[in-house]
């Protein structure tokens, strides 16, 4: 099997495994709770269980330092986290939606922590296994598979429940069993070659951050991390409770799970491919500009839906497809940008830091989206607010471009 086929297959199944638990937490849990009449504010607050995605860099050094006694440094942790994700998804079926704090939240917190840990080692594996030239292609395939996983962790469960083909208890286990795709892949693939010695715990914690600060300097580090945090802020908040928004304006679970999600999925995959192709032509910096502007403009589709809340499946499909296309391109550009920031010798910790910063708005502000929507006076004003939130990230991108040129001249 040639390297290109390996890239496609590995990134497809591992990208799928990475996205499955995240979409289950971010999209399926809110709809599940909404179905049983749980208050929107409570649903918004429960999304804070995804906080581990924003703090995973804190324990990433442990995964860099310690190796399990089977399958190698990366694959051993991959297998363990994938198995636990499967079990946690199944255990949600045993939880009591009427007892959020005592039943639902603990399981979701464990799932978020283990899923975030899986992402640490999966990102490190991708960064170490593929060459620098293959990173953009690997990221495009990875993001496409990542989005496809929403069919198994969101669309399929909604259709099965809405058509009475399965109960909520059954679909949670069905969702969990899709993790077997990642488990089997982990058992088959090879461990990447590690051309460095396993560091001490102290060095594993200190060196990745020390190297990053020495390479860029304090001022540039602050600018870069702030940009990573704010680049997708508007889109993240706009889509945080999107599934609940669709339900509130009159769409059925089947409509959301089929036409809307399929339209969004297809557009997202196309966007990721376009993003990878154009990133090679435009370069990372210009791609971030173009795709960032499109990303902000795409939120207008949600404003359109909120202004005309008619049950028109074609309007819904167009709005979601437009947003997904732009976000797919933006995600590909951001993924390529993060890869350029990462030193291969510290891939797990540094990539965990960057992706944690990128997830920070969703995890910290996600719980308050219900309150934001109410304070804004409805969905229409809320989505306008989200559109303006895209501006700070673009301003920082402009500043980073100027400072990078100055640093290059200084060298």
Protein backbone atom coordinates (compact mmCIF):
# COMPACT_ATOMS: atom_id res chain seq x y z
CA UNK A 1 0.00 0.00 0.00
CA UNK A 2 1.46 3.39 -1.01
CA UNK A 3 1.82 6.32 1.35
CA UNK A 4 -1.14 8.26 -0.09
CA UNK A 5 -3.53 5.35 0.56
CA UNK A 6 -2.15 4.99 4.08
CA UNK A 7 -2.71 8.69 4.69
CA UNK A 8 -6.33 8.53 3.55
CA UNK A 9 -7.21 5.37 5.49
CA UNK A 10 -5.45 6.31 8.72
CA UNK A 11 -6.79 9.86 8.77
CA UNK A 12 -10.30 8.70 7.86
CA UNK A 13 -10.74 6.21 10.68
CA UNK A 14 -8.80 8.09 13.35
CA UNK A 15 -10.44 11.40 12.42
CA UNK A 16 -13.81 9.64 12.74
CA UNK A 17 -12.83 8.32 16.17
CA UNK A 18 -11.77 11.80 17.27
CA UNK A 19 -15.01 13.52 16.25
CA UNK A 20 -17.54 10.93 17.45
CA UNK A 21 -17.51 11.63 21.23
CA UNK A 22 -17.22 15.39 20.70
CA UNK A 23 -20.33 15.57 18.51
CA UNK A 24 -22.19 13.31 20.91
CA UNK A 25 -21.43 15.70 23.77
CA UNK A 26 -21.90 18.95 21.86
CA UNK A 27 -24.98 18.06 19.78
CA UNK A 28 -26.70 14.83 20.83
CA UNK A 29 -26.75 15.42 24.61
CA UNK A 30 -28.50 18.84 24.24
CA UNK A 31 -31.18 17.41 21.91
CA UNK A 32 -31.65 14.39 24.20
CA UNK A 33 -32.23 16.70 27.18
CA UNK A 34 -34.44 19.07 25.16
CA UNK A 35 -36.62 16.11 24.16
CA UNK A 36 -37.36 15.49 27.84
CA UNK A 37 -38.19 19.16 28.46
CA UNK A 38 -35.01 20.24 30.24
CA UNK A 39 -34.69 24.05 30.43
CA UNK A 40 -32.58 25.77 27.75
CA UNK A 41 -30.44 27.51 30.38
CA UNK A 42 -29.70 24.18 32.07
CA UNK A 43 -28.81 22.64 28.69
CA UNK A 44 -26.47 25.56 28.01
CA UNK A 45 -24.79 25.13 31.39
CA UNK A 46 -24.24 21.40 30.90
CA UNK A 47 -22.13 22.14 27.82
CA UNK A 48 -19.45 23.34 30.27
CA UNK A 49 -18.60 19.64 30.80
CA UNK A 50 -16.50 20.08 27.64
CA UNK A 51 -13.99 22.13 29.65
CA UNK A 52 -11.33 19.34 29.42
CA UNK A 53 -10.97 20.14 25.70
CA UNK A 54 -9.70 23.58 26.71
CA UNK A 55 -7.33 22.35 29.42
CA UNK A 56 -5.91 19.18 27.90
CA UNK A 57 -2.46 20.73 27.54
CA UNK A 58 -2.16 20.45 31.35
CA UNK A 59 -1.89 16.65 31.27
CA UNK A 60 -0.52 16.30 27.73
CA UNK A 61 3.07 16.18 29.11
CA UNK A 62 2.14 13.01 31.01
CA UNK A 63 1.15 11.34 27.74
CA UNK A 64 4.44 12.53 26.24
CA UNK A 65 6.43 11.22 29.19
CA UNK A 66 4.79 7.90 30.10
CA UNK A 67 4.34 4.94 27.80
CA UNK A 68 1.95 2.06 28.42
CA UNK A 69 3.46 -1.48 28.27
CA UNK A 70 1.73 -2.32 24.98
CA UNK A 71 1.38 -1.02 21.40
CA UNK A 72 3.93 1.80 21.77
CA UNK A 73 4.02 5.38 23.00
CA UNK A 74 1.07 6.70 20.99
CA UNK A 75 -1.02 3.64 20.11
CA UNK A 76 -1.21 2.37 23.69
CA UNK A 77 -2.89 5.55 24.93
CA UNK A 78 -5.03 5.68 21.79
CA UNK A 79 -6.47 2.22 22.47
CA UNK A 80 -7.20 2.85 26.16
CA UNK A 81 -8.95 6.18 25.56
CA UNK A 82 -11.02 4.77 22.68
CA UNK A 83 -12.28 1.85 24.78
CA UNK A 84 -13.25 4.16 27.66
CA UNK A 85 -15.06 6.51 25.23
CA UNK A 86 -17.10 3.55 23.98
CA UNK A 87 -18.09 2.59 27.53
CA UNK A 88 -18.94 6.16 28.56
CA UNK A 89 -21.22 6.67 25.56
CA UNK A 90 -23.06 3.49 26.46
CA UNK A 91 -23.32 4.51 30.12
CA UNK A 92 -25.16 7.72 29.22
CA UNK A 93 -28.08 5.41 28.48
CA UNK A 94 -28.12 4.49 32.18
CA UNK A 95 -28.11 8.09 33.43
CA UNK A 96 -31.15 10.00 34.74
CA UNK A 97 -31.92 13.19 32.81
CA UNK A 98 -33.91 14.41 35.84
CA UNK A 99 -30.74 14.31 37.93
CA UNK A 100 -28.27 16.31 35.86
CA UNK A 101 -25.64 16.98 38.51
CA UNK A 102 -25.73 13.56 40.10
CA UNK A 103 -26.10 11.38 37.02
CA UNK A 104 -25.66 12.99 33.59
CA UNK A 105 -22.85 15.45 34.35
CA UNK A 106 -20.37 12.96 35.93
CA UNK A 107 -20.55 10.62 32.94
CA UNK A 108 -20.23 13.51 30.48
CA UNK A 109 -17.23 14.93 32.37
CA UNK A 110 -15.42 11.58 32.22
CA UNK A 111 -16.26 11.24 28.53
CA UNK A 112 -14.99 14.76 27.80
CA UNK A 113 -11.74 14.14 29.72
CA UNK A 114 -11.02 10.83 28.01
CA UNK A 115 -12.05 12.14 24.58
CA UNK A 116 -9.77 15.16 25.01
CA UNK A 117 -6.96 12.76 26.00
CA UNK A 118 -7.64 10.72 22.87
CA UNK A 119 -7.28 13.90 20.81
CA UNK A 120 -3.88 14.61 22.42
CA UNK A 121 -2.38 11.33 21.24
CA UNK A 122 -4.22 11.31 17.90
CA UNK A 123 -2.91 14.79 17.04
CA UNK A 124 0.59 13.75 18.12
CA UNK A 125 0.37 10.57 16.03
CA UNK A 126 -0.70 12.51 12.92
CA UNK A 127 2.05 15.11 13.41
CA UNK A 128 4.74 12.46 13.91
CA UNK A 129 3.65 9.85 11.36
CA UNK A 130 3.24 12.15 8.35
CA UNK A 131 5.88 14.43 6.86
CA UNK A 132 5.66 18.22 6.87
CA UNK A 133 4.59 18.15 3.21
CA UNK A 134 1.74 15.74 4.01
CA UNK A 135 0.29 17.73 6.93
CA UNK A 136 -2.17 19.81 4.88
CA UNK A 137 -3.54 16.76 3.06
CA UNK A 138 -3.68 14.76 6.28
CA UNK A 139 -5.59 17.57 7.98
CA UNK A 140 -8.11 17.84 5.11
CA UNK A 141 -8.90 14.12 5.21
CA UNK A 142 -8.93 14.16 9.01
CA UNK A 143 -11.44 17.03 9.17
CA UNK A 144 -13.68 15.38 6.58
CA UNK A 145 -13.81 12.16 8.61
CA UNK A 146 -14.21 14.20 11.78
CA UNK A 147 -17.37 15.75 10.34
CA UNK A 148 -18.62 12.42 8.96
CA UNK A 149 -18.62 11.08 12.52
CA UNK A 150 -21.56 13.41 13.24
CA UNK A 151 -23.71 11.03 11.16
CA UNK A 152 -23.06 8.25 13.68
CA UNK A 153 -23.13 10.40 16.82
CA UNK A 154 -25.98 12.74 15.89
CA UNK A 155 -27.93 12.21 12.66
CA UNK A 156 -28.44 8.44 12.91
CA UNK A 157 -29.50 8.52 16.59
CA UNK A 158 -32.04 11.28 15.91
CA UNK A 159 -33.57 9.39 12.99
CA UNK A 160 -33.73 6.12 14.92
CA UNK A 161 -35.47 7.80 17.87
CA UNK A 162 -37.81 9.96 15.77
CA UNK A 163 -38.97 6.95 13.72
CA UNK A 164 -39.27 4.76 16.84
CA UNK A 165 -36.71 2.31 15.46
CA UNK A 166 -34.80 2.50 18.73
CA UNK A 167 -35.05 4.05 22.18
CA UNK A 168 -32.66 6.68 23.55
CA UNK A 169 -31.06 3.98 25.70
CA UNK A 170 -30.35 1.86 22.63
CA UNK A 171 -29.01 4.66 20.41
CA UNK A 172 -26.42 5.65 23.03
CA UNK A 173 -24.94 2.15 22.82
CA UNK A 174 -25.18 2.19 19.01
CA UNK A 175 -23.30 5.48 19.06
CA UNK A 176 -20.65 4.01 21.36
CA UNK A 177 -20.09 0.94 19.22
CA UNK A 178 -18.95 3.13 16.32
CA UNK A 179 -15.78 3.69 18.37
CA UNK A 180 -14.81 0.17 17.28
CA UNK A 181 -13.68 1.67 13.95
CA UNK A 182 -10.99 3.64 15.75
CA UNK A 183 -10.10 0.72 18.02
CA UNK A 184 -9.51 -1.66 15.10
CA UNK A 185 -7.49 1.00 13.25
CA UNK A 186 -5.27 1.55 16.29
CA UNK A 187 -4.56 -2.18 16.49
CA UNK A 188 -3.57 -2.38 12.81
CA UNK A 189 -1.49 0.73 12.15
CA UNK A 190 2.21 1.13 12.93
CA UNK A 191 3.72 3.27 15.66
CA UNK A 192 5.50 6.38 14.29
CA UNK A 193 9.25 6.52 14.59
CA UNK A 194 10.40 8.55 17.57
CA UNK A 195 13.77 10.14 16.85
CA UNK A 196 14.20 11.53 20.34
CA UNK A 197 14.72 10.20 23.83
CA UNK A 198 11.82 10.02 26.25
CA UNK A 199 12.24 13.09 28.47
CA UNK A 200 12.05 13.24 32.24
CA UNK A 201 8.73 14.39 33.68
CA UNK A 202 10.18 17.80 34.46
CA UNK A 203 11.47 18.25 30.91
CA UNK A 204 8.24 16.88 29.45
CA UNK A 205 6.36 19.63 31.29
CA UNK A 206 8.82 22.50 30.83
CA UNK A 207 10.60 22.01 27.49
CA UNK A 208 7.59 22.22 25.09
CA UNK A 209 6.55 25.59 26.50
CA UNK A 210 10.14 26.83 26.86
CA UNK A 211 10.95 25.98 23.23
CA UNK A 212 7.78 27.70 21.99
CA UNK A 213 8.45 30.91 23.93
CA UNK A 214 12.12 30.99 22.90
CA UNK A 215 11.21 30.48 19.25
CA UNK A 216 8.59 33.26 19.03
CA UNK A 217 9.21 35.57 21.97
CA UNK A 218 6.70 36.63 24.61
CA UNK A 219 4.94 39.34 22.58
CA UNK A 220 4.42 37.12 19.55
CA UNK A 221 3.28 34.20 21.71
CA UNK A 222 0.57 36.36 23.30
CA UNK A 223 -0.58 37.55 19.88
CA UNK A 224 -0.60 34.05 18.38
CA UNK A 225 -2.46 32.41 21.27
CA UNK A 226 -5.00 35.24 21.38
CA UNK A 227 -5.59 34.86 17.64
CA UNK A 228 -6.04 31.08 17.92
CA UNK A 229 -8.59 31.68 20.67
CA UNK A 230 -10.61 34.33 18.84
CA UNK A 231 -10.41 33.24 15.19
CA UNK A 232 -13.51 31.03 15.37
CA UNK A 233 -15.22 32.71 18.33
CA UNK A 234 -18.29 33.97 16.45
CA UNK A 235 -18.92 30.70 14.66
CA UNK A 236 -18.39 28.61 17.81
CA UNK A 237 -20.98 30.54 19.81
CA UNK A 238 -23.42 30.66 16.89
CA UNK A 239 -23.39 26.86 16.49
CA UNK A 240 -23.13 25.92 20.19
CA UNK A 241 -26.88 25.33 20.57
CA UNK A 242 -27.71 25.20 16.85
CA UNK A 243 -29.58 21.89 17.14
CA UNK A 244 -31.81 23.32 19.88
CA UNK A 245 -32.34 26.43 17.72
CA UNK A 246 -33.59 24.26 14.82
CA UNK A 247 -36.02 22.48 17.12
CA UNK A 248 -37.35 25.75 18.55
CA UNK A 249 -38.14 27.23 15.12
CA UNK A 250 -40.18 24.20 14.14
CA UNK A 251 -37.98 21.58 12.47
CA UNK A 252 -38.37 17.92 13.41
CA UNK A 253 -35.59 15.66 14.64
CA UNK A 254 -35.76 13.69 11.37
CA UNK A 255 -35.38 16.86 9.31
CA UNK A 256 -32.42 17.96 11.40
CA UNK A 257 -30.86 14.50 11.29
CA UNK A 258 -31.22 13.98 7.53
CA UNK A 259 -31.38 16.89 5.12
CA UNK A 260 -29.87 19.54 7.39
CA UNK A 261 -26.99 17.45 8.68
CA UNK A 262 -26.27 15.79 5.34
CA UNK A 263 -26.20 19.18 3.61
CA UNK A 264 -23.91 20.51 6.30
CA UNK A 265 -21.70 17.44 6.25
CA UNK A 266 -21.27 17.46 2.47
CA UNK A 267 -20.50 21.16 2.44
CA UNK A 268 -18.05 20.80 5.32
CA UNK A 269 -16.13 18.03 3.55
CA UNK A 270 -16.01 20.06 0.33
CA UNK A 271 -14.92 23.09 2.35
CA UNK A 272 -12.10 21.11 3.96
CA UNK A 273 -10.86 19.88 0.58
CA UNK A 274 -11.08 23.36 -0.95
CA UNK A 275 -9.32 24.74 2.10
CA UNK A 276 -6.42 22.28 1.79
CA UNK A 277 -6.04 22.90 -1.96
CA UNK A 278 -6.19 26.68 -1.74
CA UNK A 279 -3.97 26.75 1.33
CA UNK A 280 -1.20 25.23 -0.79
CA UNK A 281 -1.75 27.93 -3.43
CA UNK A 282 -2.39 30.96 -1.21
CA UNK A 283 -0.23 30.04 1.74
CA UNK A 284 -1.40 29.74 5.33
CA UNK A 285 -1.59 33.47 6.14
CA UNK A 286 -3.69 34.52 3.11
CA UNK A 287 -5.90 31.46 3.55
CA UNK A 288 -6.66 32.46 7.14
CA UNK A 289 -7.73 35.88 5.86
CA UNK A 290 -9.98 34.67 3.04
CA UNK A 291 -11.58 31.82 4.96
CA UNK A 292 -11.95 33.90 8.12
CA UNK A 293 -14.01 36.52 6.27
CA UNK A 294 -16.16 33.81 4.69
CA UNK A 295 -16.59 32.19 8.11
CA UNK A 296 -17.99 35.41 9.57
CA UNK A 297 -20.26 36.03 6.57
CA UNK A 298 -21.69 32.50 6.84
CA UNK A 299 -23.34 33.31 10.19
CA UNK A 300 -25.74 35.45 8.16
CA UNK A 301 -27.46 32.19 7.21
CA UNK A 302 -28.53 31.68 10.82
CA UNK A 303 -29.78 35.27 10.93
CA UNK A 304 -31.87 34.45 7.86
CA UNK A 305 -33.32 31.36 9.57
CA UNK A 306 -34.13 33.32 12.72
CA UNK A 307 -35.80 36.11 10.72
CA UNK A 308 -37.94 33.72 8.64
CA UNK A 309 -38.58 30.74 10.99
CA UNK A 310 -40.67 28.86 8.43
CA UNK A 311 -40.45 25.10 8.26
CA UNK A 312 -38.74 25.06 4.87
CA UNK A 313 -36.21 22.27 4.58
CA UNK A 314 -34.50 23.90 1.58
CA UNK A 315 -33.91 27.15 3.47
CA UNK A 316 -32.48 25.18 6.37
CA UNK A 317 -30.22 23.14 4.08
CA UNK A 318 -28.86 26.22 2.26
CA UNK A 319 -28.18 28.11 5.49
CA UNK A 320 -26.38 25.20 7.14
CA UNK A 321 -24.47 24.23 3.98
CA UNK A 322 -23.18 27.78 3.56
CA UNK A 323 -21.97 27.92 7.15
CA UNK A 324 -20.42 24.44 6.97
CA UNK A 325 -18.60 25.20 3.71
CA UNK A 326 -16.97 28.32 5.14
CA UNK A 327 -16.15 26.69 8.47
CA UNK A 328 -14.65 23.67 6.68
CA UNK A 329 -12.27 25.97 4.83
CA UNK A 330 -11.47 27.93 7.99
CA UNK A 331 -10.81 24.75 9.98
CA UNK A 332 -8.42 23.44 7.31
CA UNK A 333 -6.51 26.71 7.36
CA UNK A 334 -6.36 26.79 11.14
CA UNK A 335 -5.23 23.15 11.27
CA UNK A 336 -2.42 23.90 8.83
CA UNK A 337 -1.46 26.97 10.85
CA UNK A 338 -1.28 24.98 14.10
CA UNK A 339 0.95 22.39 12.40
CA UNK A 340 3.40 25.13 11.38
CA UNK A 341 3.59 26.27 15.01
CA UNK A 342 4.32 22.80 16.35
CA UNK A 343 7.80 21.40 16.95
CA UNK A 344 7.78 17.69 16.03
CA UNK A 345 9.82 16.85 19.16
CA UNK A 346 7.04 18.20 21.40
CA UNK A 347 4.06 17.41 19.20
CA UNK A 348 1.65 16.09 21.85
CA UNK A 349 2.02 18.93 24.34
CA UNK A 350 2.33 21.81 21.89
CA UNK A 351 -0.54 20.67 19.66
CA UNK A 352 -2.64 20.09 22.78
CA UNK A 353 -1.88 23.65 23.89
CA UNK A 354 -2.86 25.16 20.55
CA UNK A 355 -6.02 23.10 20.10
CA UNK A 356 -6.99 23.76 23.73
CA UNK A 357 -6.71 27.49 23.17
CA UNK A 358 -8.81 27.14 20.01
CA UNK A 359 -11.53 25.32 22.00
CA UNK A 360 -11.45 27.78 24.90
CA UNK A 361 -14.37 30.01 23.77
CA UNK A 362 -16.74 27.06 23.35
CA UNK A 363 -15.87 25.50 26.68
CA UNK A 364 -15.81 28.68 28.77
CA UNK A 365 -18.59 30.68 27.09
CA UNK A 366 -20.65 27.74 25.80
CA UNK A 367 -22.46 27.35 29.11
CA UNK A 368 -23.70 30.95 28.95
CA UNK A 369 -25.09 30.82 25.40
CA UNK A 370 -28.62 30.26 26.70
CA UNK A 371 -28.31 33.37 28.84
CA UNK A 372 -26.75 35.34 25.95
CA UNK A 373 -29.61 34.40 23.68
CA UNK A 374 -32.18 35.50 26.26
CA UNK A 375 -30.33 38.73 27.06
CA UNK A 376 -30.03 39.55 23.34
CA UNK A 377 -33.79 39.27 23.04
CA UNK A 378 -33.96 36.22 20.80
CA UNK A 379 -32.04 34.23 18.24
CA UNK A 380 -31.99 36.99 15.59
CA UNK A 381 -30.11 39.50 17.75
CA UNK A 382 -27.90 36.77 19.17
CA UNK A 383 -26.63 35.73 15.73
CA UNK A 384 -25.96 39.37 14.77
CA UNK A 385 -23.86 39.62 17.94
CA UNK A 386 -21.97 36.44 16.93
CA UNK A 387 -21.19 37.93 13.51
CA UNK A 388 -19.48 40.95 15.11
CA UNK A 389 -17.48 38.64 17.39
CA UNK A 390 -15.48 37.55 14.33
CA UNK A 391 -13.83 40.98 14.07
CA UNK A 392 -11.26 40.71 16.95
CA UNK A 393 -9.72 37.56 15.47
CA UNK A 394 -9.23 39.21 12.08
CA UNK A 395 -7.66 42.28 13.69
CA UNK A 396 -5.17 40.03 15.50
CA UNK A 397 -4.39 38.21 12.24
CA UNK A 398 -3.47 41.57 10.68
CA UNK A 399 -1.20 42.44 13.62
CA UNK A 400 0.48 39.00 13.52
CA UNK A 401 1.22 39.49 9.83
CA UNK A 402 2.95 42.81 10.49
CA UNK A 403 4.95 41.59 13.49
CA UNK A 404 6.00 38.40 11.65
CA UNK A 405 7.46 40.49 8.81
CA UNK A 406 9.37 42.62 11.30
CA UNK A 407 10.73 39.52 13.04
CA UNK A 408 11.83 38.04 9.70
CA UNK A 409 13.70 41.25 8.78
CA UNK A 410 15.34 41.35 12.20
CA UNK A 411 16.76 37.87 11.68
